[in-house]
Amino acid sequence: MMIGIILILLCMIRVPSAMISARNEKQIKANGGVEYGMNNSKLLIVIQGLIYLGCIVYAFVYDVQFSWLTIVGLLVYLFSLVTLMYVIRTLSPFWTFKLYIAKDHKLVESPLFKHVRHPNYYMNIIPELIGFALISQAWVVFIPLFILHLITLINRISLEEKVMKQTFQQY
């Protein structure tokens, strides 16, 4: 039962980022920003939510016990949260769960963004989900949903690359 509670708490830690995303999205739209890949974004959010929910339910149903996998999962999750905070802070008013280009959008060229394309995906979302899986040990739930999530995420990254190249000559 403790693992299920830990997973719920980890989900609650993400609430502020959802609030930041919603605030930024509202501002971007109010200022004439354009959303790309709306259906893909919705699908990513739904699948990610199903991964969280599935892992939590699994942890409760199978009474997953604290183990070395829990510790590794928590460390991976912590890494993802640190990355998320850095990405939110760096992208500031342009960061959302969805793919938007604001009217006043600026290309971010911080060291991390110069060396890792899409750190939010590769260093936050993917590790976060893997951390969740390690903590819950819900492989039967996680693997098929994670594969769907990766397919959807690859589509998102491909679209984002295309939009960024069209928007920023130096990208």
N, C-alpha and C. Protein backbone atom coordinates (compact mmCIF):
# COMPACT_ATOMS: atom_id res chain seq x y z
N MET A 1 0.82 -1.20 0.00
CA MET A 1 0.00 0.00 0.00
C MET A 1 0.87 1.27 0.00
N MET A 2 2.03 1.17 0.65
CA MET A 2 2.91 2.33 0.74
C MET A 2 3.37 2.78 -0.66
N ILE A 3 3.65 1.85 -1.54
CA ILE A 3 4.11 2.20 -2.88
C ILE A 3 3.02 2.95 -3.63
N GLY A 4 1.79 2.50 -3.53
CA GLY A 4 0.67 3.20 -4.17
C GLY A 4 0.55 4.63 -3.67
N ILE A 5 0.73 4.82 -2.38
CA ILE A 5 0.67 6.17 -1.80
C ILE A 5 1.82 7.02 -2.30
N ILE A 6 3.01 6.44 -2.38
CA ILE A 6 4.17 7.17 -2.92
C ILE A 6 3.88 7.62 -4.35
N LEU A 7 3.31 6.73 -5.16
CA LEU A 7 3.00 7.08 -6.55
C LEU A 7 1.97 8.20 -6.64
N ILE A 8 0.97 8.16 -5.77
CA ILE A 8 -0.03 9.23 -5.76
C ILE A 8 0.64 10.55 -5.39
N LEU A 9 1.51 10.53 -4.41
CA LEU A 9 2.23 11.75 -4.02
C LEU A 9 3.09 12.28 -5.16
N LEU A 10 3.73 11.37 -5.90
CA LEU A 10 4.54 11.79 -7.05
C LEU A 10 3.68 12.46 -8.11
N CYS A 11 2.47 11.95 -8.30
CA CYS A 11 1.54 12.59 -9.25
C CYS A 11 1.16 13.98 -8.76
N MET A 12 0.96 14.11 -7.46
CA MET A 12 0.57 15.41 -6.90
C MET A 12 1.68 16.44 -7.04
N ILE A 13 2.92 15.96 -7.03
CA ILE A 13 4.06 16.87 -7.23
C ILE A 13 3.99 17.54 -8.60
N ARG A 14 3.34 16.87 -9.55
CA ARG A 14 3.25 17.39 -10.92
C ARG A 14 2.15 18.42 -11.11
N VAL A 15 1.27 18.58 -10.11
CA VAL A 15 0.15 19.53 -10.23
C VAL A 15 0.64 20.95 -10.51
N PRO A 16 1.65 21.47 -9.81
CA PRO A 16 2.11 22.83 -10.13
C PRO A 16 2.55 22.98 -11.60
N SER A 17 3.18 21.95 -12.17
CA SER A 17 3.60 22.08 -13.57
C SER A 17 2.37 22.14 -14.48
N ALA A 18 1.31 21.42 -14.14
CA ALA A 18 0.08 21.50 -14.93
C ALA A 18 -0.52 22.90 -14.85
N MET A 19 -0.43 23.49 -13.68
CA MET A 19 -0.95 24.85 -13.51
C MET A 19 -0.11 25.87 -14.30
N ILE A 20 1.19 25.69 -14.29
CA ILE A 20 2.07 26.57 -15.07
C ILE A 20 1.77 26.42 -16.55
N SER A 21 1.62 25.18 -17.00
CA SER A 21 1.31 24.92 -18.41
C SER A 21 0.00 25.60 -18.81
N ALA A 22 -1.03 25.45 -17.99
CA ALA A 22 -2.34 26.04 -18.29
C ALA A 22 -2.25 27.57 -18.34
N ARG A 23 -1.53 28.16 -17.39
CA ARG A 23 -1.36 29.62 -17.36
C ARG A 23 -0.63 30.10 -18.62
N ASN A 24 0.47 29.41 -18.96
CA ASN A 24 1.24 29.81 -20.15
C ASN A 24 0.43 29.63 -21.42
N GLU A 25 -0.30 28.52 -21.50
CA GLU A 25 -1.13 28.26 -22.68
C GLU A 25 -2.17 29.36 -22.87
N LYS A 26 -2.82 29.74 -21.79
CA LYS A 26 -3.84 30.80 -21.84
C LYS A 26 -3.23 32.10 -22.35
N GLN A 27 -2.04 32.44 -21.85
CA GLN A 27 -1.36 33.66 -22.25
C GLN A 27 -0.92 33.62 -23.71
N ILE A 28 -0.38 32.48 -24.12
CA ILE A 28 0.07 32.33 -25.51
C ILE A 28 -1.12 32.47 -26.47
N LYS A 29 -2.23 31.80 -26.14
CA LYS A 29 -3.43 31.89 -26.99
C LYS A 29 -3.99 33.31 -27.02
N ALA A 30 -4.01 33.97 -25.87
CA ALA A 30 -4.53 35.34 -25.80
C ALA A 30 -3.71 36.30 -26.65
N ASN A 31 -2.43 35.99 -26.80
CA ASN A 31 -1.54 36.84 -27.59
C ASN A 31 -1.38 36.37 -29.03
N GLY A 32 -2.26 35.48 -29.48
CA GLY A 32 -2.26 35.07 -30.88
C GLY A 32 -1.33 33.93 -31.23
N GLY A 33 -0.87 33.18 -30.24
CA GLY A 33 -0.02 32.02 -30.51
C GLY A 33 -0.80 30.92 -31.22
N VAL A 34 -0.08 30.02 -31.86
CA VAL A 34 -0.70 28.95 -32.65
C VAL A 34 -0.31 27.59 -32.06
N GLU A 35 -1.33 26.71 -31.93
CA GLU A 35 -1.09 25.35 -31.46
C GLU A 35 -0.92 24.43 -32.66
N TYR A 36 0.01 23.51 -32.53
CA TYR A 36 0.25 22.50 -33.55
C TYR A 36 0.06 21.11 -32.93
N GLY A 37 -0.43 20.18 -33.73
CA GLY A 37 -0.55 18.80 -33.27
C GLY A 37 -1.51 18.62 -32.10
N MET A 38 -2.65 19.28 -32.15
CA MET A 38 -3.60 19.26 -31.05
C MET A 38 -4.00 17.83 -30.66
N ASN A 39 -4.33 17.01 -31.63
CA ASN A 39 -4.76 15.63 -31.34
C ASN A 39 -3.62 14.80 -30.75
N ASN A 40 -2.43 15.02 -31.26
CA ASN A 40 -1.26 14.31 -30.73
C ASN A 40 -1.02 14.70 -29.28
N SER A 41 -1.14 15.97 -28.96
CA SER A 41 -0.96 16.43 -27.58
C SER A 41 -1.98 15.79 -26.65
N LYS A 42 -3.23 15.77 -27.09
CA LYS A 42 -4.29 15.16 -26.28
C LYS A 42 -4.00 13.68 -26.05
N LEU A 43 -3.56 12.99 -27.09
CA LEU A 43 -3.25 11.57 -26.97
C LEU A 43 -2.08 11.32 -26.01
N LEU A 44 -1.06 12.16 -26.10
CA LEU A 44 0.08 12.05 -25.17
C LEU A 44 -0.37 12.19 -23.72
N ILE A 45 -1.21 13.17 -23.47
CA ILE A 45 -1.69 13.43 -22.12
C ILE A 45 -2.54 12.26 -21.62
N VAL A 46 -3.41 11.73 -22.48
CA VAL A 46 -4.25 10.60 -22.08
C VAL A 46 -3.41 9.36 -21.79
N ILE A 47 -2.49 9.03 -22.68
CA ILE A 47 -1.67 7.83 -22.47
C ILE A 47 -0.80 7.98 -21.23
N GLN A 48 -0.24 9.16 -21.03
CA GLN A 48 0.59 9.38 -19.85
C GLN A 48 -0.27 9.23 -18.59
N GLY A 49 -1.47 9.75 -18.61
CA GLY A 49 -2.39 9.59 -17.49
C GLY A 49 -2.73 8.13 -17.23
N LEU A 50 -2.91 7.37 -18.30
CA LEU A 50 -3.19 5.93 -18.16
C LEU A 50 -2.00 5.19 -17.56
N ILE A 51 -0.80 5.61 -17.92
CA ILE A 51 0.40 4.99 -17.33
C ILE A 51 0.42 5.25 -15.83
N TYR A 52 0.21 6.50 -15.44
CA TYR A 52 0.19 6.82 -14.01
C TYR A 52 -0.88 6.00 -13.29
N LEU A 53 -2.10 6.06 -13.82
CA LEU A 53 -3.22 5.36 -13.19
C LEU A 53 -3.00 3.86 -13.14
N GLY A 54 -2.55 3.28 -14.25
CA GLY A 54 -2.30 1.84 -14.30
C GLY A 54 -1.25 1.40 -13.30
N CYS A 55 -0.18 2.16 -13.19
CA CYS A 55 0.88 1.82 -12.23
C CYS A 55 0.39 1.94 -10.79
N ILE A 56 -0.38 2.97 -10.51
CA ILE A 56 -0.92 3.15 -9.16
C ILE A 56 -1.86 2.01 -8.80
N VAL A 57 -2.78 1.70 -9.70
CA VAL A 57 -3.74 0.60 -9.44
C VAL A 57 -2.98 -0.71 -9.24
N TYR A 58 -2.03 -0.97 -10.10
CA TYR A 58 -1.23 -2.20 -9.99
C TYR A 58 -0.54 -2.28 -8.62
N ALA A 59 0.06 -1.17 -8.20
CA ALA A 59 0.77 -1.16 -6.91
C ALA A 59 -0.17 -1.47 -5.75
N PHE A 60 -1.38 -0.96 -5.81
CA PHE A 60 -2.35 -1.24 -4.75
C PHE A 60 -2.88 -2.67 -4.83
N VAL A 61 -3.27 -3.11 -6.04
CA VAL A 61 -3.86 -4.45 -6.20
C VAL A 61 -2.86 -5.54 -5.82
N TYR A 62 -1.62 -5.37 -6.26
CA TYR A 62 -0.61 -6.41 -6.00
C TYR A 62 0.25 -6.10 -4.77
N ASP A 63 -0.12 -5.08 -4.03
CA ASP A 63 0.57 -4.70 -2.80
C ASP A 63 2.09 -4.74 -3.00
N VAL A 64 2.55 -3.98 -3.98
CA VAL A 64 3.97 -3.92 -4.31
C VAL A 64 4.74 -3.42 -3.10
N GLN A 65 5.83 -4.08 -2.80
CA GLN A 65 6.63 -3.77 -1.61
C GLN A 65 7.83 -2.89 -1.97
N PHE A 66 8.26 -2.11 -1.00
CA PHE A 66 9.44 -1.27 -1.13
C PHE A 66 10.66 -2.17 -1.37
N SER A 67 11.47 -1.82 -2.36
CA SER A 67 12.66 -2.62 -2.68
C SER A 67 13.73 -1.72 -3.29
N TRP A 68 14.80 -2.33 -3.74
CA TRP A 68 15.86 -1.56 -4.39
C TRP A 68 15.33 -0.90 -5.67
N LEU A 69 14.32 -1.52 -6.33
CA LEU A 69 13.72 -0.91 -7.52
C LEU A 69 13.01 0.40 -7.15
N THR A 70 12.44 0.44 -5.97
CA THR A 70 11.78 1.67 -5.50
C THR A 70 12.81 2.79 -5.40
N ILE A 71 13.95 2.49 -4.82
CA ILE A 71 15.00 3.50 -4.64
C ILE A 71 15.52 3.97 -6.00
N VAL A 72 15.79 3.04 -6.89
CA VAL A 72 16.25 3.41 -8.24
C VAL A 72 15.18 4.25 -8.94
N GLY A 73 13.93 3.82 -8.85
CA GLY A 73 12.83 4.55 -9.46
C GLY A 73 12.69 5.96 -8.91
N LEU A 74 12.84 6.10 -7.59
CA LEU A 74 12.76 7.43 -6.98
C LEU A 74 13.90 8.32 -7.43
N LEU A 75 15.09 7.76 -7.60
CA LEU A 75 16.23 8.53 -8.08
C LEU A 75 16.02 8.98 -9.53
N VAL A 76 15.52 8.08 -10.35
CA VAL A 76 15.23 8.41 -11.75
C VAL A 76 14.14 9.49 -11.80
N TYR A 77 13.12 9.33 -10.97
CA TYR A 77 12.03 10.31 -10.92
C TYR A 77 12.57 11.67 -10.46
N LEU A 78 13.43 11.68 -9.46
CA LEU A 78 14.03 12.91 -8.97
C LEU A 78 14.82 13.60 -10.08
N PHE A 79 15.61 12.83 -10.83
CA PHE A 79 16.34 13.38 -11.98
C PHE A 79 15.36 14.04 -12.96
N SER A 80 14.25 13.38 -13.23
CA SER A 80 13.27 13.92 -14.18
C SER A 80 12.66 15.22 -13.65
N LEU A 81 12.41 15.29 -12.35
CA LEU A 81 11.83 16.50 -11.77
C LEU A 81 12.81 17.67 -11.81
N VAL A 82 14.08 17.41 -11.54
CA VAL A 82 15.09 18.46 -11.63
C VAL A 82 15.17 18.98 -13.06
N THR A 83 15.13 18.07 -14.01
CA THR A 83 15.15 18.48 -15.42
C THR A 83 13.91 19.29 -15.75
N LEU A 84 12.75 18.84 -15.28
CA LEU A 84 11.50 19.56 -15.54
C LEU A 84 11.59 20.99 -15.00
N MET A 85 12.08 21.15 -13.79
CA MET A 85 12.21 22.50 -13.21
C MET A 85 13.14 23.37 -14.05
N TYR A 86 14.24 22.79 -14.52
CA TYR A 86 15.17 23.54 -15.36
C TYR A 86 14.50 23.94 -16.68
N VAL A 87 13.79 23.01 -17.29
CA VAL A 87 13.14 23.27 -18.57
C VAL A 87 12.06 24.35 -18.41
N ILE A 88 11.24 24.23 -17.38
CA ILE A 88 10.19 25.23 -17.16
C ILE A 88 10.82 26.61 -16.94
N ARG A 89 11.84 26.65 -16.12
CA ARG A 89 12.50 27.92 -15.83
C ARG A 89 13.15 28.51 -17.10
N THR A 90 13.76 27.66 -17.90
CA THR A 90 14.46 28.13 -19.10
C THR A 90 13.49 28.58 -20.19
N LEU A 91 12.44 27.80 -20.41
CA LEU A 91 11.47 28.15 -21.46
C LEU A 91 10.46 29.20 -20.98
N SER A 92 10.34 29.30 -19.67
CA SER A 92 9.48 30.27 -18.99
C SER A 92 8.10 30.41 -19.63
N PRO A 93 7.78 31.55 -20.27
CA PRO A 93 6.39 31.72 -20.73
C PRO A 93 6.03 30.86 -21.94
N PHE A 94 7.00 30.19 -22.54
CA PHE A 94 6.73 29.37 -23.72
C PHE A 94 6.50 27.90 -23.38
N TRP A 95 6.71 27.49 -22.13
CA TRP A 95 6.59 26.08 -21.76
C TRP A 95 5.14 25.71 -21.51
N THR A 96 4.68 24.67 -22.21
CA THR A 96 3.34 24.10 -21.99
C THR A 96 3.42 22.61 -22.25
N PHE A 97 2.37 21.90 -21.86
CA PHE A 97 2.25 20.48 -22.18
C PHE A 97 2.04 20.29 -23.69
N LYS A 98 1.50 21.31 -24.31
CA LYS A 98 1.14 21.24 -25.73
C LYS A 98 2.21 21.93 -26.57
N LEU A 99 2.06 21.82 -27.88
CA LEU A 99 3.02 22.41 -28.81
C LEU A 99 2.46 23.73 -29.34
N TYR A 100 2.97 24.82 -28.80
CA TYR A 100 2.56 26.16 -29.21
C TYR A 100 3.76 26.94 -29.71
N ILE A 101 3.48 27.82 -30.66
CA ILE A 101 4.45 28.83 -31.04
C ILE A 101 3.78 30.18 -30.77
N ALA A 102 4.38 30.92 -29.85
CA ALA A 102 3.85 32.22 -29.49
C ALA A 102 4.25 33.25 -30.53
N LYS A 103 3.50 34.34 -30.58
CA LYS A 103 3.83 35.42 -31.51
C LYS A 103 5.24 35.97 -31.24
N ASP A 104 5.60 36.02 -29.97
CA ASP A 104 6.90 36.56 -29.58
C ASP A 104 7.89 35.45 -29.19
N HIS A 105 7.68 34.27 -29.75
CA HIS A 105 8.48 33.10 -29.38
C HIS A 105 9.96 33.37 -29.69
N LYS A 106 10.79 32.96 -28.76
CA LYS A 106 12.23 33.10 -28.95
C LYS A 106 12.86 31.71 -28.88
N LEU A 107 13.86 31.52 -29.69
CA LEU A 107 14.59 30.27 -29.67
C LEU A 107 15.49 30.23 -28.44
N VAL A 108 15.33 29.21 -27.64
CA VAL A 108 16.14 29.06 -26.43
C VAL A 108 17.43 28.36 -26.80
N GLU A 109 18.55 28.98 -26.44
CA GLU A 109 19.85 28.42 -26.79
C GLU A 109 20.74 28.26 -25.57
N SER A 110 20.12 27.85 -24.45
CA SER A 110 20.90 27.59 -23.24
C SER A 110 21.78 26.36 -23.51
N PRO A 111 22.79 26.14 -22.69
CA PRO A 111 23.69 25.00 -22.92
C PRO A 111 22.96 23.66 -23.05
N LEU A 112 22.00 23.39 -22.18
CA LEU A 112 21.29 22.11 -22.27
C LEU A 112 20.54 22.00 -23.58
N PHE A 113 19.84 23.04 -23.98
CA PHE A 113 19.06 23.00 -25.22
C PHE A 113 19.95 22.96 -26.46
N LYS A 114 21.18 23.46 -26.35
CA LYS A 114 22.11 23.37 -27.47
C LYS A 114 22.64 21.96 -27.65
N HIS A 115 22.81 21.25 -26.54
CA HIS A 115 23.42 19.91 -26.59
C HIS A 115 22.42 18.77 -26.61
N VAL A 116 21.22 19.01 -26.12
CA VAL A 116 20.18 17.96 -26.10
C VAL A 116 18.92 18.54 -26.70
N ARG A 117 18.58 18.07 -27.88
CA ARG A 117 17.32 18.51 -28.46
C ARG A 117 16.20 17.87 -27.66
N HIS A 118 15.25 18.70 -27.28
CA HIS A 118 14.05 18.24 -26.57
C HIS A 118 14.36 17.61 -25.21
N PRO A 119 15.08 18.33 -24.35
CA PRO A 119 15.37 17.76 -23.03
C PRO A 119 14.12 17.46 -22.21
N ASN A 120 13.03 18.19 -22.47
CA ASN A 120 11.80 17.91 -21.74
C ASN A 120 11.30 16.50 -22.01
N TYR A 121 11.51 16.01 -23.21
CA TYR A 121 11.05 14.66 -23.56
C TYR A 121 12.06 13.61 -23.09
N TYR A 122 13.32 13.83 -23.47
CA TYR A 122 14.35 12.81 -23.22
C TYR A 122 14.85 12.77 -21.77
N MET A 123 14.80 13.92 -21.10
CA MET A 123 15.36 13.96 -19.75
C MET A 123 14.31 14.17 -18.66
N ASN A 124 13.07 14.42 -19.09
CA ASN A 124 12.00 14.57 -18.10
C ASN A 124 10.93 13.51 -18.29
N ILE A 125 10.21 13.55 -19.39
CA ILE A 125 9.04 12.68 -19.54
C ILE A 125 9.43 11.21 -19.56
N ILE A 126 10.35 10.82 -20.40
CA ILE A 126 10.72 9.40 -20.49
C ILE A 126 11.29 8.90 -19.16
N PRO A 127 12.26 9.60 -18.54
CA PRO A 127 12.74 9.12 -17.23
C PRO A 127 11.64 9.11 -16.16
N GLU A 128 10.76 10.10 -16.19
CA GLU A 128 9.67 10.14 -15.21
C GLU A 128 8.81 8.88 -15.31
N LEU A 129 8.45 8.51 -16.52
CA LEU A 129 7.62 7.31 -16.71
C LEU A 129 8.38 6.04 -16.34
N ILE A 130 9.65 5.98 -16.69
CA ILE A 130 10.46 4.82 -16.31
C ILE A 130 10.59 4.74 -14.79
N GLY A 131 10.79 5.89 -14.15
CA GLY A 131 10.84 5.91 -12.69
C GLY A 131 9.55 5.40 -12.08
N PHE A 132 8.43 5.81 -12.64
CA PHE A 132 7.12 5.34 -12.18
C PHE A 132 7.02 3.82 -12.31
N ALA A 133 7.49 3.30 -13.44
CA ALA A 133 7.44 1.85 -13.67
C ALA A 133 8.34 1.11 -12.68
N LEU A 134 9.51 1.63 -12.44
CA LEU A 134 10.42 0.98 -11.49
C LEU A 134 9.82 0.95 -10.08
N ILE A 135 9.22 2.05 -9.69
CA ILE A 135 8.62 2.12 -8.36
C ILE A 135 7.45 1.15 -8.23
N SER A 136 6.59 1.13 -9.25
CA SER A 136 5.37 0.31 -9.19
C SER A 136 5.61 -1.15 -9.56
N GLN A 137 6.66 -1.40 -10.33
CA GLN A 137 6.96 -2.74 -10.86
C GLN A 137 5.80 -3.28 -11.70
N ALA A 138 5.04 -2.38 -12.29
CA ALA A 138 3.84 -2.71 -13.05
C ALA A 138 4.16 -2.94 -14.52
N TRP A 139 5.10 -3.80 -14.80
CA TRP A 139 5.60 -4.00 -16.17
C TRP A 139 4.49 -4.40 -17.13
N VAL A 140 3.58 -5.22 -16.70
CA VAL A 140 2.50 -5.70 -17.58
C VAL A 140 1.60 -4.54 -18.02
N VAL A 141 1.47 -3.54 -17.18
CA VAL A 141 0.68 -2.34 -17.51
C VAL A 141 1.56 -1.35 -18.26
N PHE A 142 2.76 -1.15 -17.76
CA PHE A 142 3.63 -0.11 -18.26
C PHE A 142 4.10 -0.35 -19.70
N ILE A 143 4.59 -1.52 -20.00
CA ILE A 143 5.25 -1.75 -21.30
C ILE A 143 4.33 -1.45 -22.50
N PRO A 144 3.11 -2.00 -22.57
CA PRO A 144 2.29 -1.68 -23.75
C PRO A 144 1.91 -0.19 -23.83
N LEU A 145 1.62 0.41 -22.68
CA LEU A 145 1.26 1.83 -22.70
C LEU A 145 2.48 2.69 -23.02
N PHE A 146 3.64 2.31 -22.54
CA PHE A 146 4.86 3.06 -22.82
C PHE A 146 5.20 3.01 -24.30
N ILE A 147 5.00 1.87 -24.92
CA ILE A 147 5.25 1.75 -26.36
C ILE A 147 4.32 2.70 -27.12
N LEU A 148 3.04 2.73 -26.75
CA LEU A 148 2.10 3.67 -27.38
C LEU A 148 2.53 5.11 -27.13
N HIS A 149 2.97 5.38 -25.92
CA HIS A 149 3.42 6.73 -25.58
C HIS A 149 4.64 7.12 -26.41
N LEU A 150 5.59 6.19 -26.55
CA LEU A 150 6.78 6.49 -27.36
C LEU A 150 6.43 6.77 -28.82
N ILE A 151 5.52 6.00 -29.38
CA ILE A 151 5.08 6.24 -30.77
C ILE A 151 4.49 7.63 -30.89
N THR A 152 3.63 7.99 -29.94
CA THR A 152 3.01 9.31 -29.95
C THR A 152 4.04 10.40 -29.72
N LEU A 153 4.99 10.14 -28.83
CA LEU A 153 6.04 11.12 -28.54
C LEU A 153 6.96 11.32 -29.75
N ILE A 154 7.26 10.26 -30.46
CA ILE A 154 8.06 10.38 -31.69
C ILE A 154 7.34 11.26 -32.70
N ASN A 155 6.03 11.07 -32.82
CA ASN A 155 5.24 11.94 -33.71
C ASN A 155 5.33 13.39 -33.26
N ARG A 156 5.25 13.61 -31.96
CA ARG A 156 5.32 14.97 -31.41
C ARG A 156 6.68 15.60 -31.69
N ILE A 157 7.74 14.84 -31.47
CA ILE A 157 9.08 15.37 -31.70
C ILE A 157 9.28 15.69 -33.18
N SER A 158 8.80 14.83 -34.05
CA SER A 158 8.91 15.06 -35.49
C SER A 158 8.18 16.34 -35.89
N LEU A 159 6.98 16.52 -35.38
CA LEU A 159 6.21 17.73 -35.68
C LEU A 159 6.91 18.96 -35.10
N GLU A 160 7.40 18.85 -33.88
CA GLU A 160 8.08 19.99 -33.25
C GLU A 160 9.33 20.38 -34.04
N GLU A 161 10.08 19.39 -34.50
CA GLU A 161 11.26 19.68 -35.33
C GLU A 161 10.85 20.47 -36.57
N LYS A 162 9.80 20.02 -37.22
CA LYS A 162 9.33 20.68 -38.44
C LYS A 162 8.90 22.12 -38.16
N VAL A 163 8.12 22.31 -37.10
CA VAL A 163 7.63 23.64 -36.75
C VAL A 163 8.78 24.56 -36.36
N MET A 164 9.72 24.05 -35.58
CA MET A 164 10.84 24.88 -35.15
C MET A 164 11.71 25.29 -36.34
N LYS A 165 11.94 24.38 -37.27
CA LYS A 165 12.73 24.72 -38.46
C LYS A 165 12.03 25.77 -39.32
N GLN A 166 10.71 25.69 -39.39
CA GLN A 166 9.95 26.68 -40.15
C GLN A 166 9.92 28.04 -39.45
N THR A 167 9.95 28.02 -38.14
CA THR A 167 9.81 29.25 -37.36
C THR A 167 11.15 29.96 -37.15
N PHE A 168 12.20 29.19 -36.92
CA PHE A 168 13.50 29.77 -36.60
C PHE A 168 14.54 29.36 -37.62
N GLN A 169 15.06 30.31 -38.35
CA GLN A 169 16.05 30.04 -39.38
C GLN A 169 17.31 29.38 -38.80
N GLN A 170 17.69 29.78 -37.59
CA GLN A 170 18.92 29.28 -36.97
C GLN A 170 18.72 27.96 -36.24
N TYR A 171 17.55 27.36 -36.29
CA TYR A 171 17.30 26.10 -35.57
C TYR A 171 18.00 24.94 -36.23
